[in-house]
Amino acid sequence: MRVRELLTEDRTYDEVEVTSKKRLLDQIAQLAAASCGGLNEQEVFDALVAREKLGSTGIGEGIAIPHCRLGHCDAAIGLLLKLSEPVDFDAVDGRPVDLVFVLLVPEQNPEQHLKTLSHLANLFNDDDYRSDLRHAHGNLGLYQTAVESEAEIRLAS
């Protein structure tokens, strides 16, 4: 599943200000509930925290891909946040995180969830993709960069 199938401009956020991993997860839950009808803020927060307790979703190079399965989620959705200042996320390489792609998926169809996570991890491992996102400005610029990337077109084909 490609980024353009998961992300919308109204779920893309540039210059997000948070001070910690917990505050970031709380902010994500608020944004998800506000932009995705039918999602409960507390349910999203609890599911993200529970997933993080299994191991950090900070994959390195300043990237985190928090994800969880939700009972009240009808389709896979993504949120993209670029932080104004990096925060410690217990990432595998110890680096703080400044780019966050959130993946919320329905409880059923775990195979699709894993394929989408794999695609996102490969995409965010691309140096040019990360750099392009970091140089994008504003919600619209960040969204357009995320969905129109050469890297994603290469990976998707």
C-alpha atoms as a PDB file:
ATOM      1  CA  MET A   1       0.000   0.000   0.000  1.00  0.00           C
ATOM      2  CA  ARG A   2       1.537   3.279  -1.144  1.00  0.00           C
ATOM      3  CA  VAL A   3       1.805   6.467   0.902  1.00  0.00           C
ATOM      4  CA  ARG A   4      -0.740   8.206  -1.337  1.00  0.00           C
ATOM      5  CA  GLU A   5      -3.285   5.531  -0.354  1.00  0.00           C
ATOM      6  CA  LEU A   6      -2.686   6.128   3.368  1.00  0.00           C
ATOM      7  CA  LEU A   7      -2.045   9.830   3.705  1.00  0.00           C
ATOM      8  CA  THR A   8      -4.113  12.945   3.073  1.00  0.00           C
ATOM      9  CA  GLU A   9      -3.077  16.569   3.248  1.00  0.00           C
ATOM     10  CA  ASP A  10      -5.221  17.078   6.363  1.00  0.00           C
ATOM     11  CA  ARG A  11      -3.264  14.299   8.119  1.00  0.00           C
ATOM     12  CA  THR A  12       0.130  15.841   7.287  1.00  0.00           C
ATOM     13  CA  TYR A  13       1.702  18.131   9.883  1.00  0.00           C
ATOM     14  CA  ASP A  14       4.827  20.252   9.586  1.00  0.00           C
ATOM     15  CA  GLU A  15       6.636  21.865  12.533  1.00  0.00           C
ATOM     16  CA  VAL A  16       4.905  19.849  15.267  1.00  0.00           C
ATOM     17  CA  GLU A  17       6.112  20.899  18.708  1.00  0.00           C
ATOM     18  CA  VAL A  18       6.457  18.162  21.326  1.00  0.00           C
ATOM     19  CA  THR A  19       8.920  17.598  24.152  1.00  0.00           C
ATOM     20  CA  SER A  20       8.893  13.826  24.651  1.00  0.00           C
ATOM     21  CA  LYS A  21       7.904  10.490  23.167  1.00  0.00           C
ATOM     22  CA  LYS A  22       4.843  10.275  25.443  1.00  0.00           C
ATOM     23  CA  ARG A  23       3.693  13.768  24.459  1.00  0.00           C
ATOM     24  CA  LEU A  24       4.227  12.854  20.814  1.00  0.00           C
ATOM     25  CA  LEU A  25       2.062   9.731  21.119  1.00  0.00           C
ATOM     26  CA  ASP A  26      -0.590  11.819  22.888  1.00  0.00           C
ATOM     27  CA  GLN A  27      -0.470  14.426  20.104  1.00  0.00           C
ATOM     28  CA  ILE A  28      -0.756  11.677  17.483  1.00  0.00           C
ATOM     29  CA  ALA A  29      -3.849  10.261  19.222  1.00  0.00           C
ATOM     30  CA  GLN A  30      -5.451  13.717  19.308  1.00  0.00           C
ATOM     31  CA  LEU A  31      -4.709  14.363  15.643  1.00  0.00           C
ATOM     32  CA  ALA A  32      -5.913  10.915  14.584  1.00  0.00           C
ATOM     33  CA  ALA A  33      -9.201  11.235  16.468  1.00  0.00           C
ATOM     34  CA  ALA A  34      -9.779  14.742  15.106  1.00  0.00           C
ATOM     35  CA  SER A  35      -9.074  13.839  11.479  1.00  0.00           C
ATOM     36  CA  CYS A  36     -10.492  10.306  11.278  1.00  0.00           C
ATOM     37  CA  GLY A  37     -14.134   9.990  12.201  1.00  0.00           C
ATOM     38  CA  GLY A  38     -14.921   7.081  14.463  1.00  0.00           C
ATOM     39  CA  LEU A  39     -11.503   6.857  16.153  1.00  0.00           C
ATOM     40  CA  ASN A  40     -11.352   7.276  19.897  1.00  0.00           C
ATOM     41  CA  GLU A  41      -8.396   9.351  21.126  1.00  0.00           C
ATOM     42  CA  GLN A  42      -7.823   7.258  24.244  1.00  0.00           C
ATOM     43  CA  GLU A  43      -8.044   3.978  22.301  1.00  0.00           C
ATOM     44  CA  VAL A  44      -5.465   5.208  19.781  1.00  0.00           C
ATOM     45  CA  PHE A  45      -3.129   6.420  22.540  1.00  0.00           C
ATOM     46  CA  ASP A  46      -3.426   3.184  24.523  1.00  0.00           C
ATOM     47  CA  ALA A  47      -2.813   1.035  21.422  1.00  0.00           C
ATOM     48  CA  LEU A  48       0.258   3.069  20.412  1.00  0.00           C
ATOM     49  CA  VAL A  49       1.701   2.930  23.937  1.00  0.00           C
ATOM     50  CA  ALA A  50       1.060  -0.827  24.140  1.00  0.00           C
ATOM     51  CA  ARG A  51       2.895  -1.312  20.828  1.00  0.00           C
ATOM     52  CA  GLU A  52       5.849   0.799  22.006  1.00  0.00           C
ATOM     53  CA  LYS A  53       6.124  -1.371  25.134  1.00  0.00           C
ATOM     54  CA  LEU A  54       6.904  -4.310  22.828  1.00  0.00           C
ATOM     55  CA  GLY A  55       9.841  -2.361  21.403  1.00  0.00           C
ATOM     56  CA  SER A  56      10.466   1.063  19.984  1.00  0.00           C
ATOM     57  CA  THR A  57       9.150   1.829  16.514  1.00  0.00           C
ATOM     58  CA  GLY A  58      12.062   4.239  16.073  1.00  0.00           C
ATOM     59  CA  ILE A  59      13.792   2.612  13.098  1.00  0.00           C
ATOM     60  CA  GLY A  60      16.864   4.849  13.005  1.00  0.00           C
ATOM     61  CA  GLU A  61      18.089   7.831  10.971  1.00  0.00           C
ATOM     62  CA  GLY A  62      15.638  10.085  12.856  1.00  0.00           C
ATOM     63  CA  ILE A  63      12.578   8.090  11.751  1.00  0.00           C
ATOM     64  CA  ALA A  64       9.770   6.504  13.770  1.00  0.00           C
ATOM     65  CA  ILE A  65       6.867   4.497  12.397  1.00  0.00           C
ATOM     66  CA  PRO A  66       4.451   4.091  15.320  1.00  0.00           C
ATOM     67  CA  HIS A  67       1.719   1.670  14.331  1.00  0.00           C
ATOM     68  CA  CYS A  68      -1.132  -0.323  15.814  1.00  0.00           C
ATOM     69  CA  ARG A  69      -4.260  -2.252  14.975  1.00  0.00           C
ATOM     70  CA  LEU A  70      -7.586  -0.777  16.057  1.00  0.00           C
ATOM     71  CA  GLY A  71     -11.026  -2.291  16.386  1.00  0.00           C
ATOM     72  CA  HIS A  72     -12.841   0.861  15.229  1.00  0.00           C
ATOM     73  CA  CYS A  73     -10.696   1.467  12.174  1.00  0.00           C
ATOM     74  CA  ASP A  74     -12.314   0.669   8.815  1.00  0.00           C
ATOM     75  CA  ALA A  75      -9.271   1.146   6.575  1.00  0.00           C
ATOM     76  CA  ALA A  76      -5.541   1.699   6.918  1.00  0.00           C
ATOM     77  CA  ILE A  77      -4.686   5.358   7.477  1.00  0.00           C
ATOM     78  CA  GLY A  78      -1.465   7.268   7.860  1.00  0.00           C
ATOM     79  CA  LEU A  79      -0.392  10.482   9.511  1.00  0.00           C
ATOM     80  CA  LEU A  80       2.909  12.211   8.768  1.00  0.00           C
ATOM     81  CA  LEU A  81       4.519  14.560  11.262  1.00  0.00           C
ATOM     82  CA  LYS A  82       7.718  16.534  10.921  1.00  0.00           C
ATOM     83  CA  LEU A  83       8.806  17.742  14.340  1.00  0.00           C
ATOM     84  CA  SER A  84      10.156  21.238  14.919  1.00  0.00           C
ATOM     85  CA  GLU A  85      12.766  19.725  17.260  1.00  0.00           C
ATOM     86  CA  PRO A  86      13.807  16.045  17.407  1.00  0.00           C
ATOM     87  CA  VAL A  87      12.757  14.013  20.469  1.00  0.00           C
ATOM     88  CA  ASP A  88      14.228  10.912  22.056  1.00  0.00           C
ATOM     89  CA  PHE A  89      12.223   7.909  20.845  1.00  0.00           C
ATOM     90  CA  ASP A  90      14.392   5.036  22.057  1.00  0.00           C
ATOM     91  CA  ALA A  91      15.300   4.398  18.411  1.00  0.00           C
ATOM     92  CA  VAL A  92      17.512   1.461  17.499  1.00  0.00           C
ATOM     93  CA  ASP A  93      20.427   3.770  16.631  1.00  0.00           C
ATOM     94  CA  GLY A  94      19.908   6.028  19.657  1.00  0.00           C
ATOM     95  CA  ARG A  95      19.263   9.091  17.468  1.00  0.00           C
ATOM     96  CA  PRO A  96      16.352  11.396  18.262  1.00  0.00           C
ATOM     97  CA  VAL A  97      13.387  11.355  15.889  1.00  0.00           C
ATOM     98  CA  ASP A  98      12.186  14.236  13.721  1.00  0.00           C
ATOM     99  CA  LEU A  99      10.094  12.404  11.085  1.00  0.00           C
ATOM    100  CA  VAL A 100       7.152  10.286  12.186  1.00  0.00           C
ATOM    101  CA  PHE A 101       4.848   8.240   9.972  1.00  0.00           C
ATOM    102  CA  VAL A 102       1.923   6.798  11.926  1.00  0.00           C
ATOM    103  CA  LEU A 103       0.124   3.729  10.588  1.00  0.00           C
ATOM    104  CA  LEU A 104      -3.290   2.814  12.003  1.00  0.00           C
ATOM    105  CA  VAL A 105      -4.883  -0.315  10.591  1.00  0.00           C
ATOM    106  CA  PRO A 106      -7.993  -2.441  11.168  1.00  0.00           C
ATOM    107  CA  GLU A 107      -7.578  -5.431  13.479  1.00  0.00           C
ATOM    108  CA  GLN A 108      -8.276  -7.861  10.646  1.00  0.00           C
ATOM    109  CA  ASN A 109      -5.848  -8.477   7.767  1.00  0.00           C
ATOM    110  CA  PRO A 110      -2.495  -8.520   9.616  1.00  0.00           C
ATOM    111  CA  GLU A 111      -0.715  -9.626   6.414  1.00  0.00           C
ATOM    112  CA  GLN A 112      -1.550  -6.318   4.679  1.00  0.00           C
ATOM    113  CA  HIS A 113      -0.397  -4.478   7.819  1.00  0.00           C
ATOM    114  CA  LEU A 114       3.012  -6.178   7.638  1.00  0.00           C
ATOM    115  CA  LYS A 115       3.396  -5.520   3.902  1.00  0.00           C
ATOM    116  CA  THR A 116       2.574  -1.841   4.403  1.00  0.00           C
ATOM    117  CA  LEU A 117       5.032  -1.558   7.305  1.00  0.00           C
ATOM    118  CA  SER A 118       7.732  -3.175   5.182  1.00  0.00           C
ATOM    119  CA  HIS A 119       7.075  -0.722   2.335  1.00  0.00           C
ATOM    120  CA  LEU A 120       7.234   2.251   4.728  1.00  0.00           C
ATOM    121  CA  ALA A 121      10.454   1.025   6.340  1.00  0.00           C
ATOM    122  CA  ASN A 122      12.084   0.580   2.919  1.00  0.00           C
ATOM    123  CA  LEU A 123      10.886   4.000   1.820  1.00  0.00           C
ATOM    124  CA  PHE A 124      12.192   5.768   4.927  1.00  0.00           C
ATOM    125  CA  ASN A 125      15.520   3.947   4.539  1.00  0.00           C
ATOM    126  CA  ASP A 126      16.031   5.928   1.325  1.00  0.00           C
ATOM    127  CA  ASP A 127      18.412   8.852   2.017  1.00  0.00           C
ATOM    128  CA  ASP A 128      16.861  11.058  -0.674  1.00  0.00           C
ATOM    129  CA  TYR A 129      13.312  10.500   0.595  1.00  0.00           C
ATOM    130  CA  ARG A 130      14.271  11.483   4.142  1.00  0.00           C
ATOM    131  CA  SER A 131      16.193  14.496   2.919  1.00  0.00           C
ATOM    132  CA  ASP A 132      13.346  15.651   0.688  1.00  0.00           C
ATOM    133  CA  LEU A 133      10.876  15.432   3.574  1.00  0.00           C
ATOM    134  CA  ARG A 134      13.212  17.333   5.885  1.00  0.00           C
ATOM    135  CA  HIS A 135      13.543  20.127   3.311  1.00  0.00           C
ATOM    136  CA  ALA A 136       9.796  20.371   2.596  1.00  0.00           C
ATOM    137  CA  HIS A 137       7.936  23.340   4.097  1.00  0.00           C
ATOM    138  CA  GLY A 138       4.345  23.597   5.262  1.00  0.00           C
ATOM    139  CA  ASN A 139       1.720  20.890   5.474  1.00  0.00           C
ATOM    140  CA  LEU A 140       1.005  20.958   1.734  1.00  0.00           C
ATOM    141  CA  GLY A 141       4.684  20.887   0.749  1.00  0.00           C
ATOM    142  CA  LEU A 142       5.335  17.997   3.130  1.00  0.00           C
ATOM    143  CA  TYR A 143       2.308  16.091   1.822  1.00  0.00           C
ATOM    144  CA  GLN A 144       3.250  16.599  -1.830  1.00  0.00           C
ATOM    145  CA  THR A 145       6.830  15.532  -1.160  1.00  0.00           C
ATOM    146  CA  ALA A 146       5.650  12.396   0.640  1.00  0.00           C
ATOM    147  CA  VAL A 147       3.258  11.224  -2.071  1.00  0.00           C
ATOM    148  CA  GLU A 148       5.115  12.355  -5.216  1.00  0.00           C
ATOM    149  CA  SER A 149       8.530  10.982  -4.336  1.00  0.00           C
ATOM    150  CA  GLU A 150      10.692   9.261  -6.937  1.00  0.00           C
ATOM    151  CA  ALA A 151      11.770   6.847  -4.193  1.00  0.00           C
ATOM    152  CA  GLU A 152       8.247   5.630  -3.625  1.00  0.00           C
ATOM    153  CA  ILE A 153       7.559   5.270  -7.324  1.00  0.00           C
ATOM    154  CA  ARG A 154      10.735   3.133  -7.593  1.00  0.00           C
ATOM    155  CA  LEU A 155       9.759   0.967  -4.617  1.00  0.00           C
ATOM    156  CA  ALA A 156       6.159   0.532  -5.735  1.00  0.00           C
ATOM    157  CA  SER A 157       7.086  -0.745  -9.189  1.00  0.00           C
END
